[in-house]
């Protein structure tokens, strides 16, 4: 659901918060934070992404169908996924 956002006075915001950038790095169904992070790292910071370690990708816990994107992505920062994320 789209909602207008009001930034606090004096707080900086730039291209990474522009709706056009957010829409260009999303698919039609949901936010694509992983693709956006890769784009920022490779094109803006000029840092190559390391290769995915083959055979080391652990299974993620089942968070249920109502889990938010933030909850699903935070599961990558814990346990066996923590080393790469």
C-alpha atoms as a PDB file:
ATOM      1  CA  UNK A   1       0.000   0.000   0.000  1.00  0.00           C
ATOM      2  CA  UNK A   2       1.375   3.384  -0.949  1.00  0.00           C
ATOM      3  CA  UNK A   3       1.658   5.984   1.760  1.00  0.00           C
ATOM      4  CA  UNK A   4       3.011   9.511   1.637  1.00  0.00           C
ATOM      5  CA  UNK A   5       6.173  10.007   3.656  1.00  0.00           C
ATOM      6  CA  UNK A   6       7.126  13.226   5.405  1.00  0.00           C
ATOM      7  CA  UNK A   7      10.787  13.614   6.335  1.00  0.00           C
ATOM      8  CA  UNK A   8      11.754  15.486   9.499  1.00  0.00           C
ATOM      9  CA  UNK A   9      12.995  19.026   8.924  1.00  0.00           C
ATOM     10  CA  UNK A  10      16.732  19.134   8.306  1.00  0.00           C
ATOM     11  CA  UNK A  11      17.041  15.404   7.557  1.00  0.00           C
ATOM     12  CA  UNK A  12      18.816  14.647   4.314  1.00  0.00           C
ATOM     13  CA  UNK A  13      17.328  12.337   1.705  1.00  0.00           C
ATOM     14  CA  UNK A  14      18.579  11.634  -1.748  1.00  0.00           C
ATOM     15  CA  UNK A  15      18.228   9.439  -4.801  1.00  0.00           C
ATOM     16  CA  UNK A  16      18.002   6.205  -2.797  1.00  0.00           C
ATOM     17  CA  UNK A  17      14.704   7.369  -1.278  1.00  0.00           C
ATOM     18  CA  UNK A  18      13.153   8.636  -4.524  1.00  0.00           C
ATOM     19  CA  UNK A  19      10.036   6.735  -5.648  1.00  0.00           C
ATOM     20  CA  UNK A  20      11.469   6.321  -9.158  1.00  0.00           C
ATOM     21  CA  UNK A  21      14.582   4.551  -7.817  1.00  0.00           C
ATOM     22  CA  UNK A  22      12.528   2.373  -5.470  1.00  0.00           C
ATOM     23  CA  UNK A  23      10.114   1.427  -8.263  1.00  0.00           C
ATOM     24  CA  UNK A  24      12.926   0.664 -10.718  1.00  0.00           C
ATOM     25  CA  UNK A  25      14.494  -1.766  -8.243  1.00  0.00           C
ATOM     26  CA  UNK A  26      11.251  -3.557  -7.381  1.00  0.00           C
ATOM     27  CA  UNK A  27       9.097  -6.059  -9.183  1.00  0.00           C
ATOM     28  CA  UNK A  28       5.356  -5.718  -9.648  1.00  0.00           C
ATOM     29  CA  UNK A  29       4.476  -7.673  -6.537  1.00  0.00           C
ATOM     30  CA  UNK A  30       6.850  -6.559  -3.811  1.00  0.00           C
ATOM     31  CA  UNK A  31       9.950  -4.668  -2.825  1.00  0.00           C
ATOM     32  CA  UNK A  32      13.226  -6.241  -4.032  1.00  0.00           C
ATOM     33  CA  UNK A  33      15.700  -5.128  -1.372  1.00  0.00           C
ATOM     34  CA  UNK A  34      18.297  -7.704  -2.430  1.00  0.00           C
ATOM     35  CA  UNK A  35      18.474  -6.427  -6.017  1.00  0.00           C
ATOM     36  CA  UNK A  36      18.534  -2.841  -4.724  1.00  0.00           C
ATOM     37  CA  UNK A  37      21.417  -3.645  -2.365  1.00  0.00           C
ATOM     38  CA  UNK A  38      23.354  -5.310  -5.149  1.00  0.00           C
ATOM     39  CA  UNK A  39      22.799  -2.339  -7.449  1.00  0.00           C
ATOM     40  CA  UNK A  40      24.007   0.098  -4.774  1.00  0.00           C
ATOM     41  CA  UNK A  41      27.062  -1.995  -3.977  1.00  0.00           C
ATOM     42  CA  UNK A  42      28.105  -2.646  -7.589  1.00  0.00           C
ATOM     43  CA  UNK A  43      27.106   0.547  -9.420  1.00  0.00           C
ATOM     44  CA  UNK A  44      27.350   3.232  -6.749  1.00  0.00           C
ATOM     45  CA  UNK A  45      30.083   1.875  -4.468  1.00  0.00           C
ATOM     46  CA  UNK A  46      32.001   0.060  -7.266  1.00  0.00           C
ATOM     47  CA  UNK A  47      32.453  -3.038  -5.105  1.00  0.00           C
ATOM     48  CA  UNK A  48      31.948  -6.436  -6.761  1.00  0.00           C
ATOM     49  CA  UNK A  49      29.680  -8.925  -5.051  1.00  0.00           C
ATOM     50  CA  UNK A  50      31.566 -11.997  -3.828  1.00  0.00           C
ATOM     51  CA  UNK A  51      30.539 -15.303  -5.404  1.00  0.00           C
ATOM     52  CA  UNK A  52      27.921 -17.391  -3.628  1.00  0.00           C
ATOM     53  CA  UNK A  53      29.622 -20.208  -1.709  1.00  0.00           C
ATOM     54  CA  UNK A  54      28.431 -23.364  -3.476  1.00  0.00           C
ATOM     55  CA  UNK A  55      27.046 -26.013  -1.165  1.00  0.00           C
ATOM     56  CA  UNK A  56      26.957 -23.747   1.877  1.00  0.00           C
ATOM     57  CA  UNK A  57      23.515 -22.173   1.450  1.00  0.00           C
ATOM     58  CA  UNK A  58      21.471 -23.261   4.502  1.00  0.00           C
ATOM     59  CA  UNK A  59      17.702 -23.568   4.559  1.00  0.00           C
ATOM     60  CA  UNK A  60      15.849 -20.601   6.030  1.00  0.00           C
ATOM     61  CA  UNK A  61      13.326 -21.069   8.826  1.00  0.00           C
ATOM     62  CA  UNK A  62       9.671 -21.107   7.810  1.00  0.00           C
ATOM     63  CA  UNK A  63       8.290 -17.768   8.979  1.00  0.00           C
ATOM     64  CA  UNK A  64       4.799 -18.357   7.656  1.00  0.00           C
ATOM     65  CA  UNK A  65       2.863 -16.660   4.875  1.00  0.00           C
ATOM     66  CA  UNK A  66       2.250 -13.434   6.812  1.00  0.00           C
ATOM     67  CA  UNK A  67       5.919 -12.602   7.452  1.00  0.00           C
ATOM     68  CA  UNK A  68       6.988  -9.166   6.287  1.00  0.00           C
ATOM     69  CA  UNK A  69       9.933  -8.610   3.968  1.00  0.00           C
ATOM     70  CA  UNK A  70      11.885  -7.147   6.887  1.00  0.00           C
ATOM     71  CA  UNK A  71      11.259 -10.305   8.955  1.00  0.00           C
ATOM     72  CA  UNK A  72      12.245 -12.588   6.074  1.00  0.00           C
ATOM     73  CA  UNK A  73      15.463 -10.665   5.386  1.00  0.00           C
ATOM     74  CA  UNK A  74      16.403 -10.475   9.067  1.00  0.00           C
ATOM     75  CA  UNK A  75      16.356 -14.304   9.154  1.00  0.00           C
ATOM     76  CA  UNK A  76      19.456 -14.136   6.911  1.00  0.00           C
ATOM     77  CA  UNK A  77      21.402 -12.298   9.623  1.00  0.00           C
ATOM     78  CA  UNK A  78      21.191 -15.125  12.144  1.00  0.00           C
ATOM     79  CA  UNK A  79      22.653 -18.592  12.550  1.00  0.00           C
ATOM     80  CA  UNK A  80      24.403 -20.205   9.593  1.00  0.00           C
ATOM     81  CA  UNK A  81      23.576 -17.289   7.251  1.00  0.00           C
ATOM     82  CA  UNK A  82      25.347 -14.744   9.450  1.00  0.00           C
ATOM     83  CA  UNK A  83      28.784 -15.308   7.903  1.00  0.00           C
ATOM     84  CA  UNK A  84      27.750 -14.088   4.452  1.00  0.00           C
ATOM     85  CA  UNK A  85      25.082 -11.553   5.414  1.00  0.00           C
END
